[in-house]
């Protein structure tokens, strides 16, 4: 992949090895309670730390 500019959000079918990846790691949150109340609770707890849409 020499001299190829990678555009974020494209090339989903191309694997990039871990050592070649740039950027910081993503935060991932899990819940076992997938009811409406459970999803509202997890949203209320972490919504402030998740900027964007």
N, C-alpha and C. Protein backbone atom coordinates (compact mmCIF):
# COMPACT_ATOMS: atom_id res chain seq x y z
N UNK A 1 0.82 -1.19 0.00
CA UNK A 1 0.00 0.00 0.00
C UNK A 1 0.87 1.25 0.00
N UNK A 2 1.93 1.22 -0.71
CA UNK A 2 2.83 2.36 -0.77
C UNK A 2 2.20 3.49 -1.59
N UNK A 3 2.36 4.71 -1.11
CA UNK A 3 1.90 5.91 -1.79
C UNK A 3 0.40 5.92 -2.07
N UNK A 4 -0.39 5.29 -1.24
CA UNK A 4 -1.83 5.30 -1.40
C UNK A 4 -2.43 6.07 -0.24
N UNK A 5 -3.17 7.13 -0.53
CA UNK A 5 -3.80 7.91 0.52
C UNK A 5 -5.09 7.21 0.94
N UNK A 6 -5.20 6.87 2.20
CA UNK A 6 -6.39 6.21 2.72
C UNK A 6 -7.38 7.27 3.17
N UNK A 7 -8.59 7.19 2.67
CA UNK A 7 -9.64 8.14 3.01
C UNK A 7 -10.57 7.47 4.03
N UNK A 8 -10.73 8.06 5.23
CA UNK A 8 -11.61 7.47 6.23
C UNK A 8 -13.03 7.28 5.68
N UNK A 9 -13.63 6.15 6.03
CA UNK A 9 -14.99 5.86 5.60
C UNK A 9 -15.09 5.20 4.24
N UNK A 10 -13.94 4.90 3.63
CA UNK A 10 -13.94 4.22 2.35
C UNK A 10 -13.04 2.99 2.44
N UNK A 11 -13.09 2.12 1.47
CA UNK A 11 -12.21 0.96 1.44
C UNK A 11 -12.53 -0.07 2.50
N UNK A 12 -13.81 -0.25 2.81
CA UNK A 12 -14.20 -1.20 3.83
C UNK A 12 -13.87 -2.64 3.48
N UNK A 13 -13.57 -2.89 2.23
CA UNK A 13 -13.22 -4.25 1.81
C UNK A 13 -11.71 -4.48 1.83
N UNK A 14 -10.93 -3.50 2.31
CA UNK A 14 -9.48 -3.62 2.35
C UNK A 14 -9.04 -3.80 3.80
N UNK A 15 -8.28 -4.87 4.06
CA UNK A 15 -7.77 -5.11 5.41
C UNK A 15 -6.47 -4.34 5.62
N UNK A 16 -6.40 -3.62 6.74
CA UNK A 16 -5.19 -2.91 7.11
C UNK A 16 -4.63 -3.58 8.37
N UNK A 17 -3.42 -4.13 8.29
CA UNK A 17 -2.84 -4.81 9.46
C UNK A 17 -2.75 -3.87 10.65
N UNK A 18 -2.81 -4.42 11.85
CA UNK A 18 -2.80 -3.63 13.07
C UNK A 18 -1.61 -2.68 13.13
N UNK A 19 -0.42 -3.14 12.77
CA UNK A 19 0.78 -2.30 12.87
C UNK A 19 0.77 -1.13 11.88
N UNK A 20 -0.08 -1.19 10.86
CA UNK A 20 -0.14 -0.13 9.86
C UNK A 20 -1.29 0.85 10.11
N UNK A 21 -2.11 0.60 11.13
CA UNK A 21 -3.27 1.46 11.39
C UNK A 21 -2.84 2.73 12.12
N UNK A 22 -3.58 3.79 11.85
CA UNK A 22 -3.32 5.07 12.49
C UNK A 22 -4.55 5.49 13.28
N UNK A 23 -4.37 6.42 14.19
CA UNK A 23 -5.49 6.90 14.99
C UNK A 23 -5.55 6.19 16.32
N UNK A 24 -6.42 6.67 17.18
CA UNK A 24 -6.53 6.06 18.51
C UNK A 24 -7.61 4.98 18.52
N UNK A 25 -7.56 4.15 19.53
CA UNK A 25 -8.51 3.04 19.65
C UNK A 25 -9.91 3.57 19.97
N UNK A 26 -10.91 2.85 19.54
CA UNK A 26 -12.30 3.21 19.81
C UNK A 26 -12.74 2.70 21.17
N UNK A 27 -13.64 3.43 21.81
CA UNK A 27 -14.26 2.96 23.04
C UNK A 27 -15.48 2.13 22.65
N UNK A 28 -15.63 0.98 23.27
CA UNK A 28 -16.75 0.09 22.97
C UNK A 28 -17.48 -0.21 24.26
N UNK A 29 -18.80 -0.06 24.27
CA UNK A 29 -19.61 -0.30 25.46
C UNK A 29 -20.56 -1.46 25.19
N UNK A 30 -20.79 -2.30 26.19
CA UNK A 30 -21.66 -3.46 26.06
C UNK A 30 -22.75 -3.42 27.13
N UNK A 31 -23.88 -4.01 26.81
CA UNK A 31 -24.94 -4.22 27.80
C UNK A 31 -25.63 -5.53 27.47
N UNK A 32 -26.06 -6.21 28.50
CA UNK A 32 -26.82 -7.44 28.29
C UNK A 32 -28.32 -7.16 28.26
N UNK A 33 -28.70 -6.00 28.78
CA UNK A 33 -30.11 -5.63 28.86
C UNK A 33 -30.49 -4.84 27.60
N UNK A 34 -31.10 -5.50 26.62
CA UNK A 34 -31.46 -4.85 25.36
C UNK A 34 -32.91 -4.37 25.35
N UNK A 35 -33.52 -4.32 26.53
CA UNK A 35 -34.88 -3.77 26.59
C UNK A 35 -34.80 -2.26 26.40
N UNK A 36 -35.94 -1.65 26.17
CA UNK A 36 -35.98 -0.19 26.00
C UNK A 36 -35.44 0.52 27.24
N UNK A 37 -35.78 0.02 28.41
CA UNK A 37 -35.30 0.64 29.65
C UNK A 37 -33.79 0.47 29.80
N UNK A 38 -33.29 -0.70 29.44
CA UNK A 38 -31.84 -0.97 29.55
C UNK A 38 -31.04 -0.09 28.61
N UNK A 39 -31.53 0.09 27.38
CA UNK A 39 -30.83 0.94 26.43
C UNK A 39 -30.88 2.40 26.85
N UNK A 40 -32.00 2.83 27.43
CA UNK A 40 -32.08 4.21 27.95
C UNK A 40 -31.09 4.43 29.08
N UNK A 41 -30.95 3.44 29.96
CA UNK A 41 -29.99 3.56 31.07
C UNK A 41 -28.55 3.69 30.57
N UNK A 42 -28.17 2.85 29.61
CA UNK A 42 -26.80 2.92 29.09
C UNK A 42 -26.58 4.23 28.35
N UNK A 43 -27.61 4.70 27.63
CA UNK A 43 -27.49 5.98 26.93
C UNK A 43 -27.30 7.12 27.91
N UNK A 44 -28.12 7.17 28.96
CA UNK A 44 -28.02 8.24 29.95
C UNK A 44 -26.66 8.23 30.64
N UNK A 45 -26.10 7.05 30.84
CA UNK A 45 -24.82 6.94 31.54
C UNK A 45 -23.65 7.42 30.68
N UNK A 46 -23.68 7.13 29.38
CA UNK A 46 -22.52 7.42 28.53
C UNK A 46 -22.73 8.49 27.47
N UNK A 47 -23.91 9.05 27.35
CA UNK A 47 -24.19 10.03 26.30
C UNK A 47 -23.28 11.25 26.41
N UNK A 48 -22.93 11.66 27.60
CA UNK A 48 -22.08 12.84 27.78
C UNK A 48 -20.66 12.62 27.28
N UNK A 49 -20.20 11.36 27.26
CA UNK A 49 -18.83 11.07 26.83
C UNK A 49 -18.75 10.72 25.36
N UNK A 50 -19.89 10.72 24.66
CA UNK A 50 -19.92 10.35 23.24
C UNK A 50 -20.35 11.55 22.40
N UNK A 51 -19.41 12.37 21.95
CA UNK A 51 -19.78 13.52 21.15
C UNK A 51 -20.20 13.09 19.75
N UNK A 52 -20.92 13.94 19.07
CA UNK A 52 -21.33 13.64 17.70
C UNK A 52 -22.77 13.21 17.63
N UNK A 53 -23.11 12.64 16.50
CA UNK A 53 -24.50 12.24 16.26
C UNK A 53 -24.78 10.90 16.90
